[in-house]
PDB file of N, CA and C in Angstrom:
ATOM      1  N   MET A   1     -27.772  24.362  27.405  1.00  0.00           N
ATOM      2  CA  MET A   1     -27.169  23.483  26.409  1.00  0.00           C
ATOM      3  C   MET A   1     -27.591  22.004  26.964  1.00  0.00           C
ATOM      4  N   PRO A   2     -28.219  21.296  26.005  1.00  0.00           N
ATOM      5  CA  PRO A   2     -28.595  20.046  26.470  1.00  0.00           C
ATOM      6  C   PRO A   2     -27.566  18.915  26.622  1.00  0.00           C
ATOM      7  N   TRP A   3     -27.931  17.965  27.354  1.00  0.00           N
ATOM      8  CA  TRP A   3     -26.759  17.117  27.932  1.00  0.00           C
ATOM      9  C   TRP A   3     -26.264  16.517  26.924  1.00  0.00           C
ATOM     10  N   ARG A   4     -26.760  16.136  25.816  1.00  0.00           N
ATOM     11  CA  ARG A   4     -26.224  14.940  24.728  1.00  0.00           C
ATOM     12  C   ARG A   4     -25.136  16.129  24.081  1.00  0.00           C
ATOM     13  N   LYS A   5     -25.564  17.483  23.746  1.00  0.00           N
ATOM     14  CA  LYS A   5     -24.744  18.300  22.916  1.00  0.00           C
ATOM     15  C   LYS A   5     -23.564  18.851  23.866  1.00  0.00           C
ATOM     16  N   SER A   6     -23.582  18.941  25.176  1.00  0.00           N
ATOM     17  CA  SER A   6     -22.340  19.071  26.166  1.00  0.00           C
ATOM     18  C   SER A   6     -21.395  17.839  26.214  1.00  0.00           C
ATOM     19  N   ILE A   7     -21.829  16.797  25.984  1.00  0.00           N
ATOM     20  CA  ILE A   7     -20.992  15.602  26.063  1.00  0.00           C
ATOM     21  C   ILE A   7     -20.270  15.586  24.835  1.00  0.00           C
ATOM     22  N   PHE A   8     -20.904  15.871  23.811  1.00  0.00           N
ATOM     23  CA  PHE A   8     -20.285  15.872  22.298  1.00  0.00           C
ATOM     24  C   PHE A   8     -19.244  16.677  22.404  1.00  0.00           C
ATOM     25  N   TRP A   9     -19.305  18.072  22.961  1.00  0.00           N
ATOM     26  CA  TRP A   9     -18.513  19.068  22.663  1.00  0.00           C
ATOM     27  C   TRP A   9     -17.142  18.687  23.620  1.00  0.00           C
ATOM     28  N   ILE A  10     -17.503  18.454  24.865  1.00  0.00           N
ATOM     29  CA  ILE A  10     -16.375  17.667  25.880  1.00  0.00           C
ATOM     30  C   ILE A  10     -15.845  16.645  25.271  1.00  0.00           C
ATOM     31  N   HIS A  11     -16.219  15.603  24.446  1.00  0.00           N
ATOM     32  CA  HIS A  11     -15.414  14.612  23.971  1.00  0.00           C
ATOM     33  C   HIS A  11     -14.826  15.051  22.536  1.00  0.00           C
ATOM     34  N   LEU A  12     -15.217  16.058  21.956  1.00  0.00           N
ATOM     35  CA  LEU A  12     -14.629  16.683  20.770  1.00  0.00           C
ATOM     36  C   LEU A  12     -13.299  17.099  20.997  1.00  0.00           C
ATOM     37  N   VAL A  13     -13.390  18.305  22.316  1.00  0.00           N
ATOM     38  CA  VAL A  13     -12.184  18.863  22.523  1.00  0.00           C
ATOM     39  C   VAL A  13     -11.321  18.281  23.144  1.00  0.00           C
ATOM     40  N   SER A  14     -11.752  17.114  24.180  1.00  0.00           N
ATOM     41  CA  SER A  14     -10.746  16.326  24.603  1.00  0.00           C
ATOM     42  C   SER A  14      -9.974  15.530  23.488  1.00  0.00           C
ATOM     43  N   GLY A  15     -10.815  14.882  22.821  1.00  0.00           N
ATOM     44  CA  GLY A  15      -9.901  14.145  21.670  1.00  0.00           C
ATOM     45  C   GLY A  15      -9.056  15.050  20.863  1.00  0.00           C
ATOM     46  N   LEU A  16      -9.382  16.178  20.446  1.00  0.00           N
ATOM     47  CA  LEU A  16      -8.562  17.185  19.598  1.00  0.00           C
ATOM     48  C   LEU A  16      -7.392  17.317  20.439  1.00  0.00           C
ATOM     49  N   VAL A  17      -7.377  17.434  21.684  1.00  0.00           N
ATOM     50  CA  VAL A  17      -6.369  17.989  22.612  1.00  0.00           C
ATOM     51  C   VAL A  17      -5.390  16.742  22.636  1.00  0.00           C
ATOM     52  N   THR A  18      -6.072  15.449  22.969  1.00  0.00           N
ATOM     53  CA  THR A  18      -4.991  14.534  23.138  1.00  0.00           C
ATOM     54  C   THR A  18      -4.315  14.000  21.813  1.00  0.00           C
ATOM     55  N   GLY A  19      -5.435  14.238  20.737  1.00  0.00           N
ATOM     56  CA  GLY A  19      -4.565  13.995  19.325  1.00  0.00           C
ATOM     57  C   GLY A  19      -3.401  14.732  19.016  1.00  0.00           C
ATOM     58  N   THR A  20      -3.520  16.081  19.601  1.00  0.00           N
ATOM     59  CA  THR A  20      -2.398  17.076  19.427  1.00  0.00           C
ATOM     60  C   THR A  20      -1.263  16.447  19.925  1.00  0.00           C
ATOM     61  N   VAL A  21      -1.382  16.080  21.271  1.00  0.00           N
ATOM     62  CA  VAL A  21      -0.270  15.779  22.152  1.00  0.00           C
ATOM     63  C   VAL A  21       0.207  14.278  21.371  1.00  0.00           C
ATOM     64  N   VAL A  22      -0.413  13.415  21.140  1.00  0.00           N
ATOM     65  CA  VAL A  22       0.105  12.403  20.842  1.00  0.00           C
ATOM     66  C   VAL A  22       0.921  12.465  19.227  1.00  0.00           C
ATOM     67  N   LEU A  23       0.311  13.647  18.448  1.00  0.00           N
ATOM     68  CA  LEU A  23       1.304  13.602  17.404  1.00  0.00           C
ATOM     69  C   LEU A  23       2.388  14.458  17.521  1.00  0.00           C
ATOM     70  N   ILE A  24       2.498  15.189  18.407  1.00  0.00           N
ATOM     71  CA  ILE A  24       3.780  15.990  18.808  1.00  0.00           C
ATOM     72  C   ILE A  24       4.828  14.978  19.394  1.00  0.00           C
ATOM     73  N   MET A  25       4.062  13.963  20.334  1.00  0.00           N
ATOM     74  CA  MET A  25       5.258  12.979  20.895  1.00  0.00           C
ATOM     75  C   MET A  25       5.654  12.253  19.874  1.00  0.00           C
ATOM     76  N   SER A  26       4.638  11.680  18.755  1.00  0.00           N
ATOM     77  CA  SER A  26       5.222  10.920  17.823  1.00  0.00           C
ATOM     78  C   SER A  26       6.306  11.366  16.875  1.00  0.00           C
ATOM     79  N   VAL A  27       6.104  12.851  16.556  1.00  0.00           N
ATOM     80  CA  VAL A  27       7.061  13.446  15.565  1.00  0.00           C
ATOM     81  C   VAL A  27       8.444  13.659  16.382  1.00  0.00           C
ATOM     82  N   THR A  28       8.417  14.091  17.616  1.00  0.00           N
ATOM     83  CA  THR A  28       9.484  14.096  18.231  1.00  0.00           C
ATOM     84  C   THR A  28      10.462  12.707  18.636  1.00  0.00           C
ATOM     85  N   GLY A  29       9.436  11.685  18.644  1.00  0.00           N
ATOM     86  CA  GLY A  29       9.883  10.415  18.568  1.00  0.00           C
ATOM     87  C   GLY A  29      10.884   9.959  17.652  1.00  0.00           C
ATOM     88  N   ILE A  30      10.268  10.431  16.545  1.00  0.00           N
ATOM     89  CA  ILE A  30      10.806   9.908  15.077  1.00  0.00           C
ATOM     90  C   ILE A  30      12.043  10.615  14.936  1.00  0.00           C
ATOM     91  N   LEU A  31      12.067  11.951  15.367  1.00  0.00           N
ATOM     92  CA  LEU A  31      13.354  12.807  14.661  1.00  0.00           C
ATOM     93  C   LEU A  31      14.427  12.234  15.782  1.00  0.00           C
ATOM     94  N   ILE A  32      14.176  11.803  17.091  1.00  0.00           N
ATOM     95  CA  ILE A  32      15.143  11.272  18.155  1.00  0.00           C
ATOM     96  C   ILE A  32      15.565  10.110  17.490  1.00  0.00           C
ATOM     97  N   ALA A  33      14.495   9.052  16.878  1.00  0.00           N
ATOM     98  CA  ALA A  33      15.115   7.768  16.594  1.00  0.00           C
ATOM     99  C   ALA A  33      16.030   7.864  15.101  1.00  0.00           C
ATOM    100  N   PHE A  34      15.757   8.997  14.578  1.00  0.00           N
ATOM    101  CA  PHE A  34      16.500   9.203  13.092  1.00  0.00           C
ATOM    102  C   PHE A  34      17.358  10.346  13.277  1.00  0.00           C
ATOM    103  N   GLU A  35      18.061  10.597  14.319  1.00  0.00           N
ATOM    104  CA  GLU A  35      18.796  11.790  14.631  1.00  0.00           C
ATOM    105  C   GLU A  35      19.937  11.621  13.799  1.00  0.00           C
ATOM    106  N   GLU A  36      20.730  10.475  13.788  1.00  0.00           N
ATOM    107  CA  GLU A  36      21.823  10.262  13.091  1.00  0.00           C
ATOM    108  C   GLU A  36      21.694  10.427  11.570  1.00  0.00           C
ATOM    109  N   GLU A  37      20.878   9.753  11.149  1.00  0.00           N
ATOM    110  CA  GLU A  37      20.379   9.945   9.583  1.00  0.00           C
ATOM    111  C   GLU A  37      20.080  11.296   9.278  1.00  0.00           C
ATOM    112  N   ILE A  38      19.178  11.943   9.913  1.00  0.00           N
ATOM    113  CA  ILE A  38      18.896  13.435   9.644  1.00  0.00           C
ATOM    114  C   ILE A  38      20.239  14.121   9.679  1.00  0.00           C
ATOM    115  N   LEU A  39      21.116  14.031  10.509  1.00  0.00           N
ATOM    116  CA  LEU A  39      22.371  15.110  10.647  1.00  0.00           C
ATOM    117  C   LEU A  39      23.175  14.543   9.530  1.00  0.00           C
ATOM    118  N   GLU A  40      23.223  13.272   9.385  1.00  0.00           N
ATOM    119  CA  GLU A  40      24.196  13.110   8.009  1.00  0.00           C
ATOM    120  C   GLU A  40      23.837  13.568   6.724  1.00  0.00           C
ATOM    121  N   TRP A  41      22.209  13.496   6.491  1.00  0.00           N
ATOM    122  CA  TRP A  41      21.598  14.034   5.616  1.00  0.00           C
ATOM    123  C   TRP A  41      21.893  15.651   5.160  1.00  0.00           C
ATOM    124  N   ILE A  42      21.837  16.124   6.451  1.00  0.00           N
ATOM    125  CA  ILE A  42      21.958  17.660   6.555  1.00  0.00           C
ATOM    126  C   ILE A  42      23.424  18.227   6.200  1.00  0.00           C
ATOM    127  N   ASP A  43      24.274  17.230   6.904  1.00  0.00           N
ATOM    128  CA  ASP A  43      25.735  17.644   6.630  1.00  0.00           C
ATOM    129  C   ASP A  43      26.495  16.999   5.423  1.00  0.00           C
ATOM    130  N   ARG A  44      25.622  16.394   4.291  1.00  0.00           N
ATOM    131  CA  ARG A  44      26.065  15.721   3.562  1.00  0.00           C
ATOM    132  C   ARG A  44      27.030  16.374   2.613  1.00  0.00           C
ATOM    133  N   ASP A  45      26.957  17.698   2.577  1.00  0.00           N
ATOM    134  CA  ASP A  45      27.819  18.529   1.482  1.00  0.00           C
ATOM    135  C   ASP A  45      29.190  18.878   2.170  1.00  0.00           C
ATOM    136  N   VAL A  46      29.028  18.958   3.619  1.00  0.00           N
ATOM    137  CA  VAL A  46      30.150  19.584   4.390  1.00  0.00           C
ATOM    138  C   VAL A  46      31.042  18.454   4.617  1.00  0.00           C
ATOM    139  N   SER A  47      30.576  17.323   4.790  1.00  0.00           N
ATOM    140  CA  SER A  47      31.508  15.925   5.211  1.00  0.00           C
ATOM    141  C   SER A  47      32.215  15.356   4.103  1.00  0.00           C
ATOM    142  N   LYS A  48      32.044  15.823   3.028  1.00  0.00           N
ATOM    143  CA  LYS A  48      32.883  15.209   1.928  1.00  0.00           C
ATOM    144  C   LYS A  48      34.377  15.802   1.957  1.00  0.00           C
ATOM    145  N   VAL A  49      35.194  15.044   1.697  1.00  0.00           N
ATOM    146  CA  VAL A  49      36.727  15.198   1.687  1.00  0.00           C
ATOM    147  C   VAL A  49      37.249  15.303   0.418  1.00  0.00           C
ATOM    148  N   SER A  50      37.814  15.941  -0.066  1.00  0.00           N
ATOM    149  CA  SER A  50      38.184  15.963  -1.410  1.00  0.00           C
ATOM    150  C   SER A  50      39.932  15.581  -1.405  1.00  0.00           C
ATOM    151  N   SER A  51      40.390  14.738  -2.311  1.00  0.00           N
ATOM    152  CA  SER A  51      41.928  14.433  -2.205  1.00  0.00           C
ATOM    153  C   SER A  51      42.555  15.779  -2.858  1.00  0.00           C
ATOM    154  N   PRO A  52      43.796  15.973  -2.577  1.00  0.00           N
ATOM    155  CA  PRO A  52      44.635  16.998  -2.870  1.00  0.00           C
ATOM    156  C   PRO A  52      45.252  16.483  -4.458  1.00  0.00           C
ATOM    157  N   ASP A  53      45.424  17.521  -5.166  1.00  0.00           N
ATOM    158  CA  ASP A  53      46.069  17.247  -6.610  1.00  0.00           C
ATOM    159  C   ASP A  53      47.529  16.835  -6.433  1.00  0.00           C
ATOM    160  N   ASN A  54      47.849  15.816  -7.255  1.00  0.00           N
ATOM    161  CA  ASN A  54      49.161  15.307  -7.172  1.00  0.00           C
ATOM    162  C   ASN A  54      50.097  15.901  -8.218  1.00  0.00           C
ATOM    163  N   ASN A  55      49.777  16.918  -8.743  1.00  0.00           N
ATOM    164  CA  ASN A  55      50.357  17.561  -9.938  1.00  0.00           C
ATOM    165  C   ASN A  55      51.728  18.319  -9.479  1.00  0.00           C
ATOM    166  N   THR A  56      52.038  18.218  -8.289  1.00  0.00           N
ATOM    167  CA  THR A  56      53.256  19.241  -8.017  1.00  0.00           C
ATOM    168  C   THR A  56      54.496  18.459  -8.401  1.00  0.00           C
TER     169      THR A  56
END
């Protein structure tokens, strides 16, 4: 394999691996930063409290 082609493939593979790691860290960082808002959105139906009827 020529020198230039091997450098290209090493650069490409290392860039893809690094990009994947950065993407995973970004997504998990966003999830941690917005944890409270995400949990409130998931539990929006469960956390509603209805008042009892006063027809007795």
